[in-house]
């Protein structure tokens, strides 16, 4: 049986701005970057996609509220485990992220700093305390 592959797609107000932002914080170029979709391959089974809000609104055809009505409201979290979270955190701030919570030890066993991307999606840069 073939193992499933996954893609997490964030709805964004400005695809190019988000592409540039995520290129910076992920330290990679997108594998796909066409009008309507940008994709970053995070590993062999996981991609991060960026889709314009207006594009998904056409697909949803009025069956849900337009995604732009939730812009700026935290709707998801991208939790990134790294060795050097300080560098990643500072790089994201320089790329336009909004600081939410400074890097600190958390009670679940990780050191984590929280930021928001230009659309309000939460990004957590984390490392295990006992590794």
Protein backbone atom coordinates (compact mmCIF):
# COMPACT_ATOMS: atom_id res chain seq x y z
CA UNK A 1 0.00 0.00 0.00
CA UNK A 2 1.40 3.38 -1.02
CA UNK A 3 1.88 5.84 1.84
CA UNK A 4 -0.24 8.99 1.53
CA UNK A 5 1.23 12.36 0.71
CA UNK A 6 -0.04 15.54 2.33
CA UNK A 7 -0.34 19.15 1.32
CA UNK A 8 -1.27 21.93 3.70
CA UNK A 9 -2.61 24.94 1.81
CA UNK A 10 -2.76 28.41 3.33
CA UNK A 11 -5.20 30.90 1.81
CA UNK A 12 -3.34 34.18 1.30
CA UNK A 13 -4.30 37.69 0.26
CA UNK A 14 -1.19 38.27 -1.89
CA UNK A 15 0.42 35.17 -3.41
CA UNK A 16 3.70 36.85 -4.41
CA UNK A 17 4.17 38.51 -1.00
CA UNK A 18 3.51 35.19 0.74
CA UNK A 19 5.80 33.32 -1.68
CA UNK A 20 8.64 35.72 -0.88
CA UNK A 21 7.93 35.55 2.87
CA UNK A 22 7.85 31.73 2.98
CA UNK A 23 10.90 31.45 0.70
CA UNK A 24 12.78 33.49 3.27
CA UNK A 25 11.62 31.70 6.41
CA UNK A 26 11.81 28.19 4.91
CA UNK A 27 15.14 28.99 3.22
CA UNK A 28 14.02 27.39 -0.03
CA UNK A 29 12.50 28.26 -3.37
CA UNK A 30 9.07 26.96 -4.30
CA UNK A 31 8.89 23.84 -6.42
CA UNK A 32 5.79 25.22 -8.16
CA UNK A 33 4.97 28.90 -8.57
CA UNK A 34 2.17 29.66 -11.03
CA UNK A 35 -0.78 32.04 -10.83
CA UNK A 36 -3.14 30.46 -8.31
CA UNK A 37 -0.69 28.16 -6.47
CA UNK A 38 2.77 28.16 -4.94
CA UNK A 39 4.15 24.94 -3.44
CA UNK A 40 7.13 24.23 -1.21
CA UNK A 41 8.24 20.62 -0.79
CA UNK A 42 8.96 20.24 2.92
CA UNK A 43 9.82 16.54 2.74
CA UNK A 44 8.99 13.53 0.56
CA UNK A 45 5.43 13.35 1.94
CA UNK A 46 4.56 16.95 2.81
CA UNK A 47 4.08 20.16 0.82
CA UNK A 48 3.11 23.65 1.91
CA UNK A 49 0.87 25.40 -0.60
CA UNK A 50 -0.12 29.04 -0.91
CA UNK A 51 -3.39 29.78 -2.70
CA UNK A 52 -4.91 33.23 -3.24
CA UNK A 53 -8.07 33.84 -1.24
CA UNK A 54 -9.99 34.86 -4.35
CA UNK A 55 -9.00 31.62 -6.09
CA UNK A 56 -10.32 29.35 -3.37
CA UNK A 57 -13.42 31.53 -3.03
CA UNK A 58 -14.32 30.63 -6.62
CA UNK A 59 -13.97 26.93 -5.82
CA UNK A 60 -16.01 27.21 -2.63
CA UNK A 61 -18.76 28.95 -4.64
CA UNK A 62 -20.41 30.78 -1.74
CA UNK A 63 -20.77 27.62 0.37
CA UNK A 64 -18.53 29.13 3.07
CA UNK A 65 -17.62 32.71 4.02
CA UNK A 66 -15.02 34.32 1.75
CA UNK A 67 -11.55 33.62 3.23
CA UNK A 68 -10.71 37.34 3.21
CA UNK A 69 -13.28 37.83 6.00
CA UNK A 70 -10.93 35.89 8.28
CA UNK A 71 -7.72 37.62 7.19
CA UNK A 72 -5.61 38.52 10.20
CA UNK A 73 -7.45 36.04 12.44
CA UNK A 74 -5.16 33.16 13.47
CA UNK A 75 -6.62 30.16 11.67
CA UNK A 76 -3.73 27.71 11.79
CA UNK A 77 -0.23 27.19 13.13
CA UNK A 78 2.87 26.02 11.30
CA UNK A 79 5.08 24.43 13.98
CA UNK A 80 8.68 24.19 12.76
CA UNK A 81 11.24 22.21 14.79
CA UNK A 82 14.78 23.53 14.28
CA UNK A 83 18.15 23.57 16.00
CA UNK A 84 18.71 27.33 15.59
CA UNK A 85 15.33 28.93 16.28
CA UNK A 86 16.85 32.30 17.14
CA UNK A 87 18.20 32.78 13.61
CA UNK A 88 14.93 31.62 12.01
CA UNK A 89 12.87 33.84 14.32
CA UNK A 90 14.95 36.95 13.54
CA UNK A 91 14.93 36.18 9.82
CA UNK A 92 11.13 35.91 9.85
CA UNK A 93 10.84 39.25 11.67
CA UNK A 94 13.06 40.87 9.02
CA UNK A 95 10.88 39.29 6.30
CA UNK A 96 7.77 40.97 7.73
CA UNK A 97 6.45 38.60 10.38
CA UNK A 98 4.64 40.07 13.37
CA UNK A 99 5.98 39.08 16.78
CA UNK A 100 3.38 37.26 18.88
CA UNK A 101 5.41 35.71 21.71
CA UNK A 102 9.16 35.81 22.32
CA UNK A 103 11.25 32.67 22.35
CA UNK A 104 10.93 30.95 25.71
CA UNK A 105 10.74 27.55 27.35
CA UNK A 106 7.21 26.16 27.25
CA UNK A 107 5.66 23.75 29.72
CA UNK A 108 5.28 20.97 27.11
CA UNK A 109 9.06 20.59 26.77
CA UNK A 110 9.96 22.84 23.85
CA UNK A 111 11.57 26.25 23.53
CA UNK A 112 9.28 28.18 21.16
CA UNK A 113 8.84 31.64 19.68
CA UNK A 114 5.59 32.61 17.97
CA UNK A 115 5.10 34.92 14.98
CA UNK A 116 2.32 35.70 12.51
CA UNK A 117 2.77 35.79 8.73
CA UNK A 118 1.33 38.70 6.69
CA UNK A 119 -2.11 37.01 6.66
CA UNK A 120 -2.17 36.23 10.38
CA UNK A 121 -1.27 32.52 10.15
CA UNK A 122 0.79 31.57 13.19
CA UNK A 123 4.34 30.28 12.80
CA UNK A 124 6.09 28.69 15.77
CA UNK A 125 9.85 28.11 15.64
CA UNK A 126 10.65 25.44 18.20
CA UNK A 127 13.36 23.16 19.51
CA UNK A 128 13.16 20.35 22.02
CA UNK A 129 14.56 21.35 25.40
CA UNK A 130 15.97 17.91 26.23
CA UNK A 131 17.65 17.09 22.91
